[in-house]
Amino acid sequence: MARLTRDPAPGVRAAAARHPNLPQPRLAALLDDEELAHHAAANAALPPDTIHRLLRTGGRQAGPPD
C-alpha cells in the first residue's frame, strides 16, 4: 500500500493516501506532503489525536505536538 503512494499516476497516489490499510507511519508522512495531505487527512484510519491537532491548527501542523 505504501508503495502506491509513490506511484507515477496522481489518481493512484491519491487513492492510496485515503486507503484505511495504509501503514500509520506512511499516513503520518503524507500529512506533510503538499500533494497528498488533503487525501491523507480524509483517511478513515487517521488517529483521533491527529485529527484534533489538524483541526486546532487549521491543518498547518500535522506532526506530533511540541
Protein backbone atom coordinates (compact mmCIF):
# COMPACT_ATOMS: atom_id res chain seq x y z
CA MET A 1 0.00 0.00 0.00
CA ALA A 2 2.72 2.48 0.97
CA ARG A 3 4.47 1.85 -2.36
CA LEU A 4 1.34 3.01 -4.19
CA THR A 5 1.61 6.44 -2.56
CA ARG A 6 4.73 6.89 -4.72
CA ASP A 7 3.12 5.70 -7.98
CA PRO A 8 3.61 7.95 -11.04
CA ALA A 9 -0.17 8.29 -11.54
CA PRO A 10 -1.73 11.06 -9.39
CA GLY A 11 -5.03 9.17 -9.02
CA VAL A 12 -3.27 6.07 -7.72
CA ARG A 13 -1.31 8.14 -5.17
CA ALA A 14 -4.50 9.89 -4.01
CA ALA A 15 -6.45 6.64 -3.63
CA ALA A 16 -3.59 5.03 -1.72
CA ALA A 17 -3.37 8.01 0.65
CA ARG A 18 -7.07 7.55 1.52
CA HIS A 19 -6.86 3.76 1.95
CA PRO A 20 -7.53 2.66 5.57
CA ASN A 21 -4.86 -0.08 5.42
CA LEU A 22 -2.08 2.41 4.77
CA PRO A 23 0.62 1.96 7.46
CA GLN A 24 0.39 4.67 10.14
CA PRO A 25 3.98 5.94 9.66
CA ARG A 26 3.36 6.47 5.93
CA LEU A 27 -0.03 8.08 6.61
CA ALA A 28 1.60 10.50 9.05
CA ALA A 29 4.29 11.37 6.49
CA LEU A 30 1.67 12.08 3.83
CA LEU A 31 0.07 14.72 6.03
CA ASP A 32 3.19 16.81 5.36
CA ASP A 33 3.12 16.08 1.60
CA GLU A 34 1.69 19.10 -0.22
CA GLU A 35 0.16 16.96 -2.98
CA LEU A 36 -1.34 14.24 -0.79
CA ALA A 37 -2.08 15.93 2.56
CA HIS A 38 -5.76 16.53 1.74
CA HIS A 39 -6.24 12.88 0.78
CA ALA A 40 -4.34 11.63 3.83
CA ALA A 41 -6.44 13.86 6.11
CA ALA A 42 -9.56 12.14 4.69
CA ASN A 43 -8.23 8.69 5.62
CA ALA A 44 -10.63 6.91 7.99
CA ALA A 45 -7.68 5.36 9.83
CA LEU A 46 -6.28 8.73 10.91
CA PRO A 47 -5.87 8.70 14.72
CA PRO A 48 -8.29 10.98 16.62
CA ASP A 49 -5.45 12.95 18.26
CA THR A 50 -4.07 13.80 14.82
CA ILE A 51 -7.49 14.88 13.60
CA HIS A 52 -7.89 17.15 16.62
CA ARG A 53 -4.42 18.63 16.05
CA LEU A 54 -5.22 19.32 12.40
CA LEU A 55 -8.49 20.99 13.39
CA ARG A 56 -6.81 23.05 16.09
CA THR A 57 -4.06 24.30 13.78
CA GLY A 58 -6.14 24.73 10.63
CA GLY A 59 -4.21 21.87 9.03
CA ARG A 60 -0.86 23.60 9.42
CA GLN A 61 0.64 21.19 11.95
CA ALA A 62 0.26 17.51 11.25
CA GLY A 63 3.20 16.25 13.25
CA PRO A 64 3.35 15.44 16.96
CA PRO A 65 2.78 18.33 19.37
CA ASP A 66 5.82 20.32 20.52
